[in-house]
Amino acid sequence: MQIKQNCRKMLLALALMGTLTGCGLPSGSSSSESGDEGLTLLTIGTADSGGTMYQAGSAIAQAITQEDGAIKINISASTGSGMNVRSLDSGEVDLALVSGDVAYAAVNGLDEFQPPVDGLRAIAAVYSSVSNWVAPVSKGYVYVHNLNGARIGVGPQGSTTELSARVAVSALSLEQQDVALVNCGLGDGAELLADDELDAVHAFTGMPVPSIEALTETVPCQVLLYTQEELDAILEGNPVYYPTQIPANTYIGQEEAVDTFGVKCLLCVSDSMSEDLAYRLTQAIWNASSRMGEFHPSLADMDQADFLCQDLPISLHPGAERFYEEMGAL
């Protein structure tokens, strides 16, 4: 999708042909690097609007454009990480937000990614996706393992929310207890829960999850717990996950911190992107990192250099790696 456009040369060529037209991109196309007088048009894959990924993608696009006026980024909604990997690999988008577990599976040819997506590369980690399970207080659930026979919204098919939900369901042996895992967007899942068409919802994204935050404003909810043994089992079988917490008062009625697991969400590109463009994108992210938490609370971790570029589940793009090395962050 990266198509070089040089307006000066095009206008000259058109003038020589006796025809003067504008210098725009075809619909659905985006540009790669252009000269000082040109504009680099890119598209970023996000997720559905009920989750953090869409808001984070919008914030990242805005921040990059503010830092580098020669780059403009359009937002593309999707079903989440899995679709974003495939769209990036096919050239439908230029950048994509991808949860670290999905990125790891993609480059290693695991789960649905066969053959592997060899060209997936990281620019930066941008937030932590965290496992959130929520149910109405009226249901009486306290722990995730209480969801016997429950109807559970687990995000769009192929999303990291579904993947991590299935990891937890397997670790807790819930598949043997007649749970029904329902694919739906995070916003739709919250609405179905409010209408009593679901018993619980799971989200695996940055905090606070907008749809859950809105849900708890109208429906008294319980953030469900894992036992330490359950968390240990999940972490042992999935090395890209790490222990974390949902801080107290993240959601209305949640007075205590909740132990859970998470993974870094990555801003990814293809290895076919030029080193210069990847360097510029990384530089823009770095320069904006200290204020990213002002765009969305989930992005506050970007203020830490080691969060951005260390302990990532996939390799950095060479352009990004060069920038971080120059900054002394690697």
Protein backbone atom coordinates (compact mmCIF):
# COMPACT_ATOMS: atom_id res chain seq x y z
CA MET A 1 0.00 0.00 0.00
CA GLN A 2 2.98 2.30 0.14
CA ILE A 3 2.91 4.14 -3.21
CA LYS A 4 5.41 6.91 -3.82
CA GLN A 5 3.87 10.16 -4.96
CA ASN A 6 5.95 13.11 -6.07
CA CYS A 7 3.61 15.98 -6.81
CA ARG A 8 6.23 18.20 -8.41
CA LYS A 9 7.22 15.56 -10.97
CA MET A 10 3.64 14.61 -11.67
CA LEU A 11 2.54 18.19 -12.25
CA LEU A 12 5.49 18.74 -14.57
CA ALA A 13 4.65 15.62 -16.54
CA LEU A 14 1.00 16.56 -16.79
CA ALA A 15 1.90 20.10 -17.89
CA LEU A 16 4.08 18.70 -20.63
CA MET A 17 1.11 16.67 -21.82
CA GLY A 18 -1.02 19.82 -21.81
CA THR A 19 -3.21 18.53 -19.01
CA LEU A 20 -3.17 19.91 -15.48
CA THR A 21 -4.81 17.85 -12.79
CA GLY A 22 -4.50 17.41 -9.01
CA CYS A 23 -1.93 15.19 -7.37
CA GLY A 24 -4.06 12.91 -5.21
CA LEU A 25 -3.95 9.26 -4.27
CA PRO A 26 -6.38 6.72 -5.68
CA SER A 27 -9.18 5.80 -3.30
CA GLY A 28 -8.03 3.17 -0.81
CA SER A 29 -4.34 3.81 -1.48
CA SER A 30 -1.70 5.18 0.85
CA SER A 31 1.73 6.57 0.26
CA SER A 32 5.18 5.78 1.54
CA GLU A 33 7.97 8.28 1.95
CA SER A 34 7.67 11.49 0.00
CA GLY A 35 9.74 14.60 -0.33
CA ASP A 36 9.58 17.69 1.89
CA GLU A 37 6.69 19.00 -0.21
CA GLY A 38 4.80 15.71 -0.19
CA LEU A 39 2.54 13.99 2.33
CA THR A 40 2.90 10.41 3.55
CA LEU A 41 -0.56 8.85 3.85
CA LEU A 42 -0.83 5.71 5.97
CA THR A 43 -3.64 3.60 7.44
CA ILE A 44 -3.62 2.03 10.91
CA GLY A 45 -5.67 -1.05 11.79
CA THR A 46 -7.38 -0.87 15.19
CA ALA A 47 -10.45 -2.75 16.50
CA ASP A 48 -14.13 -2.20 17.22
CA SER A 49 -15.09 1.09 18.85
CA GLY A 50 -16.18 -0.53 22.13
CA GLY A 51 -12.62 -1.35 23.18
CA THR A 52 -9.43 0.48 24.04
CA MET A 53 -7.60 -0.48 20.84
CA TYR A 54 -9.71 1.80 18.65
CA GLN A 55 -9.19 4.77 20.97
CA ALA A 56 -5.48 4.01 21.31
CA GLY A 57 -5.10 3.82 17.53
CA SER A 58 -6.80 7.19 17.14
CA ALA A 59 -4.52 8.71 19.78
CA ILE A 60 -1.38 7.27 18.18
CA ALA A 61 -2.42 8.53 14.75
CA GLN A 62 -3.01 12.00 16.17
CA ALA A 63 0.28 12.04 18.05
CA ILE A 64 2.34 10.96 15.03
CA THR A 65 0.70 13.60 12.84
CA GLN A 66 1.40 16.26 15.46
CA GLU A 67 5.06 15.26 15.67
CA ASP A 68 5.64 14.79 11.93
CA GLY A 69 3.48 17.07 9.83
CA ALA A 70 4.46 15.20 6.66
CA ILE A 71 2.62 12.07 7.84
CA LYS A 72 -1.16 11.64 7.92
CA ILE A 73 -2.73 8.48 9.31
CA ASN A 74 -6.23 7.21 8.62
CA ILE A 75 -8.05 4.93 11.08
CA SER A 76 -9.38 1.53 10.01
CA ALA A 77 -11.72 -0.33 12.37
CA SER A 78 -11.45 -4.13 12.45
CA THR A 79 -12.26 -7.17 14.53
CA GLY A 80 -8.93 -6.82 16.30
CA SER A 81 -5.41 -8.23 16.36
CA GLY A 82 -5.89 -11.29 14.14
CA MET A 83 -7.53 -9.32 11.36
CA ASN A 84 -4.92 -6.59 11.73
CA VAL A 85 -2.08 -9.07 11.20
CA ARG A 86 -3.71 -10.38 8.03
CA SER A 87 -4.49 -6.88 6.76
CA LEU A 88 -0.91 -5.78 7.36
CA ASP A 89 0.44 -8.87 5.64
CA SER A 90 -1.79 -8.32 2.60
CA GLY A 91 -0.96 -4.61 2.37
CA GLU A 92 -4.46 -3.38 3.24
CA VAL A 93 -3.06 -1.32 6.14
CA ASP A 94 0.39 0.16 6.78
CA LEU A 95 0.40 0.04 10.59
CA ALA A 96 -1.57 -2.15 12.97
CA LEU A 97 -2.17 -2.57 16.67
CA VAL A 98 -1.55 -6.21 17.57
CA SER A 99 -1.68 -7.83 20.97
CA GLY A 100 1.65 -9.45 21.84
CA ASP A 101 0.22 -12.96 22.13
CA VAL A 102 -1.27 -12.75 18.63
CA ALA A 103 1.95 -11.23 17.26
CA TYR A 104 3.97 -14.09 18.79
CA ALA A 105 1.57 -16.68 17.35
CA ALA A 106 1.73 -15.04 13.93
CA VAL A 107 5.52 -15.01 13.55
CA ASN A 108 5.81 -18.54 14.97
CA GLY A 109 3.03 -20.10 12.89
CA LEU A 110 0.84 -21.01 15.87
CA ASP A 111 -2.95 -21.37 16.13
CA GLU A 112 -4.59 -19.85 13.02
CA PHE A 113 -1.33 -18.50 11.57
CA GLN A 114 -0.12 -21.29 9.31
CA PRO A 115 2.08 -20.59 7.47
CA PRO A 116 3.81 -18.03 9.74
CA VAL A 117 3.61 -14.30 9.02
CA ASP A 118 7.36 -13.84 8.72
CA GLY A 119 7.31 -10.12 7.95
CA LEU A 120 5.57 -8.84 11.09
CA ARG A 121 7.74 -6.29 12.94
CA ALA A 122 7.25 -3.97 15.93
CA ILE A 123 7.68 -0.21 16.14
CA ALA A 124 6.81 0.11 19.84
CA ALA A 125 4.74 -1.31 22.68
CA VAL A 126 1.92 1.14 23.34
CA TYR A 127 -0.18 -0.27 26.19
CA SER A 128 -0.91 -3.41 28.17
CA SER A 129 -3.89 -5.58 27.28
CA VAL A 130 -5.35 -6.91 30.53
CA SER A 131 -7.84 -9.70 31.19
CA ASN A 132 -11.12 -8.21 32.50
CA TRP A 133 -14.07 -10.46 33.38
CA VAL A 134 -17.28 -8.67 34.41
CA ALA A 135 -20.73 -9.92 35.42
CA PRO A 136 -23.81 -8.26 36.96
CA VAL A 137 -23.79 -8.42 40.74
CA SER A 138 -27.25 -10.01 40.50
CA LYS A 139 -25.70 -13.16 38.96
CA GLY A 140 -23.78 -13.91 42.17
CA TYR A 141 -20.47 -14.72 40.44
CA VAL A 142 -17.26 -13.82 42.29
CA TYR A 143 -14.57 -15.89 40.54
CA VAL A 144 -14.12 -16.72 36.87
CA HIS A 145 -14.41 -20.40 37.78
CA ASN A 146 -17.96 -19.73 39.03
CA LEU A 147 -19.17 -19.30 35.43
CA ASN A 148 -20.71 -22.77 35.21
CA GLY A 149 -23.19 -22.89 32.32
CA ALA A 150 -22.81 -19.16 31.71
CA ARG A 151 -23.27 -17.31 28.42
CA ILE A 152 -20.06 -15.31 28.02
CA GLY A 153 -19.26 -12.59 25.50
CA VAL A 154 -15.66 -13.11 24.39
CA GLY A 155 -15.09 -10.49 21.71
CA PRO A 156 -15.06 -10.86 17.92
CA GLN A 157 -13.98 -14.16 16.38
CA GLY A 158 -10.21 -14.35 16.09
CA SER A 159 -9.64 -11.39 18.40
CA THR A 160 -7.11 -11.42 21.22
CA THR A 161 -10.06 -11.11 23.64
CA GLU A 162 -11.37 -14.43 22.35
CA LEU A 163 -7.91 -16.03 22.31
CA SER A 164 -7.12 -15.07 25.92
CA ALA A 165 -10.63 -16.02 27.06
CA ARG A 166 -10.16 -19.49 25.60
CA VAL A 167 -6.77 -19.74 27.32
CA ALA A 168 -8.41 -18.97 30.66
CA VAL A 169 -11.40 -21.24 30.02
CA SER A 170 -9.03 -24.10 29.23
CA ALA A 171 -6.81 -23.48 32.28
CA LEU A 172 -9.88 -23.41 34.53
CA SER A 173 -11.52 -26.42 32.80
CA LEU A 174 -14.66 -24.35 32.18
CA GLU A 175 -15.18 -26.00 28.79
CA GLN A 176 -16.30 -29.05 30.76
CA GLN A 177 -18.97 -26.99 32.55
CA ASP A 178 -21.21 -26.11 29.60
CA VAL A 179 -20.16 -22.49 29.20
CA ALA A 180 -21.25 -20.84 25.96
CA LEU A 181 -18.64 -18.55 24.41
CA VAL A 182 -20.40 -15.92 22.28
CA ASN A 183 -18.51 -13.89 19.67
CA CYS A 184 -19.51 -10.23 19.74
CA GLY A 185 -17.87 -6.82 19.79
CA LEU A 186 -17.02 -5.41 23.20
CA GLY A 187 -19.67 -2.71 22.88
CA ASP A 188 -22.30 -5.24 21.76
CA GLY A 189 -21.30 -7.58 24.57
CA ALA A 190 -21.89 -4.90 27.19
CA GLU A 191 -25.33 -4.16 25.73
CA LEU A 192 -26.24 -7.86 25.65
CA LEU A 193 -25.14 -8.19 29.27
CA ALA A 194 -27.30 -5.21 30.27
CA ASP A 195 -30.25 -6.86 28.46
CA ASP A 196 -29.63 -10.19 30.28
CA GLU A 197 -28.80 -11.96 27.03
CA LEU A 198 -25.31 -12.69 28.38
CA ASP A 199 -24.23 -13.63 31.91
CA ALA A 200 -20.67 -12.25 31.74
CA VAL A 201 -18.25 -10.56 29.35
CA HIS A 202 -14.51 -10.82 28.89
CA ALA A 203 -12.27 -8.09 27.49
CA PHE A 204 -8.54 -8.28 26.87
CA THR A 205 -7.44 -4.76 26.14
CA GLY A 206 -6.19 -1.59 27.81
CA MET A 207 -7.82 -0.19 30.92
CA PRO A 208 -10.35 1.17 31.46
CA VAL A 209 -12.32 -0.68 28.79
CA PRO A 210 -14.77 1.96 27.49
CA SER A 211 -17.72 -0.42 27.05
CA ILE A 212 -17.27 -1.94 30.53
CA GLU A 213 -16.78 1.50 32.05
CA ALA A 214 -20.09 2.62 30.53
CA LEU A 215 -21.80 -0.62 31.58
CA THR A 216 -20.86 -0.20 35.26
CA GLU A 217 -22.42 3.26 35.25
CA THR A 218 -25.87 1.73 34.70
CA VAL A 219 -25.62 -1.90 35.92
CA PRO A 220 -24.05 -2.90 39.27
CA CYS A 221 -21.22 -5.22 38.23
CA GLN A 222 -18.63 -7.50 39.76
CA VAL A 223 -15.10 -7.72 38.33
CA LEU A 224 -14.44 -11.46 38.54
CA LEU A 225 -11.35 -12.87 40.23
CA TYR A 226 -8.76 -15.53 39.48
CA THR A 227 -7.19 -17.56 42.26
CA GLN A 228 -3.41 -17.43 42.46
CA GLU A 229 -3.23 -21.07 41.40
CA GLU A 230 -5.31 -20.30 38.32
CA LEU A 231 -3.12 -17.35 37.38
CA ASP A 232 -0.01 -19.49 37.84
CA ALA A 233 -1.43 -22.11 35.47
CA ILE A 234 -2.27 -19.50 32.83
CA LEU A 235 1.16 -17.85 33.05
CA GLU A 236 3.05 -21.15 33.02
CA GLY A 237 1.44 -22.21 29.76
CA ASN A 238 1.71 -18.81 28.05
CA PRO A 239 5.13 -17.17 28.38
CA VAL A 240 4.10 -13.94 26.58
CA TYR A 241 1.65 -13.15 29.42
CA TYR A 242 2.73 -11.53 32.68
CA PRO A 243 1.03 -10.93 36.06
CA THR A 244 -0.59 -7.53 36.54
CA GLN A 245 -3.56 -5.90 38.27
CA ILE A 246 -6.73 -4.01 37.52
CA PRO A 247 -6.24 -1.08 39.93
CA ALA A 248 -8.90 -0.40 42.53
CA ASN A 249 -11.71 1.91 41.34
CA THR A 250 -10.99 1.30 37.66
CA TYR A 251 -14.72 0.57 37.39
CA ILE A 252 -17.65 1.74 39.51
CA GLY A 253 -18.14 -0.62 42.44
CA GLN A 254 -14.66 -2.16 42.15
CA GLU A 255 -13.10 -1.14 45.47
CA GLU A 256 -10.14 -3.55 45.50
CA ALA A 257 -7.31 -4.22 43.06
CA VAL A 258 -7.87 -7.39 41.03
CA ASP A 259 -4.98 -9.74 40.20
CA THR A 260 -5.01 -10.78 36.57
CA PHE A 261 -2.70 -11.25 33.57
CA GLY A 262 -1.75 -9.09 30.63
CA VAL A 263 0.41 -8.71 27.54
CA LYS A 264 1.93 -5.77 25.70
CA CYS A 265 -0.01 -4.43 22.72
CA LEU A 266 2.31 -3.51 19.86
CA LEU A 267 2.29 -0.97 17.06
CA CYS A 268 3.33 -3.19 14.15
CA VAL A 269 4.41 -2.74 10.54
CA SER A 270 5.62 -4.99 7.75
CA ASP A 271 9.31 -5.59 7.21
CA SER A 272 8.71 -4.26 3.69
CA MET A 273 8.33 -0.74 5.12
CA SER A 274 11.46 1.29 4.39
CA GLU A 275 13.92 1.80 7.22
CA ASP A 276 13.65 5.58 6.88
CA LEU A 277 9.85 5.63 7.30
CA ALA A 278 9.97 3.21 10.24
CA TYR A 279 12.64 5.42 11.83
CA ARG A 280 10.44 8.53 11.41
CA LEU A 281 7.42 6.79 12.92
CA THR A 282 9.49 5.60 15.88
CA GLN A 283 10.92 9.07 16.38
CA ALA A 284 7.42 10.58 16.41
CA ILE A 285 6.22 7.98 18.94
CA TRP A 286 9.27 8.62 21.13
CA ASN A 287 8.80 12.38 21.06
CA ALA A 288 5.12 12.08 21.98
CA SER A 289 5.55 9.29 24.56
CA SER A 290 5.63 11.51 27.65
CA ARG A 291 2.16 12.90 26.94
CA MET A 292 0.43 9.81 25.52
CA GLY A 293 -1.38 9.21 28.82
CA GLU A 294 -3.20 12.48 28.21
CA PHE A 295 -4.74 10.98 25.06
CA HIS A 296 -5.91 7.83 26.87
CA PRO A 297 -5.04 6.47 30.37
CA SER A 298 -4.00 3.09 28.94
CA LEU A 299 -1.12 4.75 27.05
CA ALA A 300 0.60 6.12 30.17
CA ASP A 301 3.18 3.28 30.17
CA MET A 302 4.64 4.71 26.97
CA ASP A 303 6.47 7.27 29.12
CA GLN A 304 8.88 4.46 30.07
CA ALA A 305 11.59 3.84 27.48
CA ASP A 306 11.99 0.19 28.45
CA PHE A 307 8.26 -0.41 28.03
CA LEU A 308 8.41 0.92 24.48
CA CYS A 309 11.17 -1.27 23.14
CA GLN A 310 12.32 -3.97 25.56
CA ASP A 311 11.01 -7.49 26.26
CA LEU A 312 8.84 -7.54 23.15
CA PRO A 313 7.48 -10.87 21.82
CA ILE A 314 8.57 -10.12 18.21
CA SER A 315 11.50 -8.33 16.59
CA LEU A 316 11.68 -4.59 16.09
CA HIS A 317 11.73 -3.19 12.56
CA PRO A 318 15.36 -2.27 11.69
CA GLY A 319 14.39 1.41 11.42
CA ALA A 320 12.87 1.35 14.91
CA GLU A 321 15.81 -0.59 16.29
CA ARG A 322 18.25 1.97 14.86
CA PHE A 323 16.36 4.83 16.50
CA TYR A 324 16.22 3.16 19.93
CA GLU A 325 19.92 2.32 19.74
CA GLU A 326 20.72 5.97 18.96
CA MET A 327 18.64 6.99 22.01
CA GLY A 328 20.46 4.49 24.23
CA ALA A 329 17.18 2.68 25.01
CA LEU A 330 18.39 -0.79 23.92
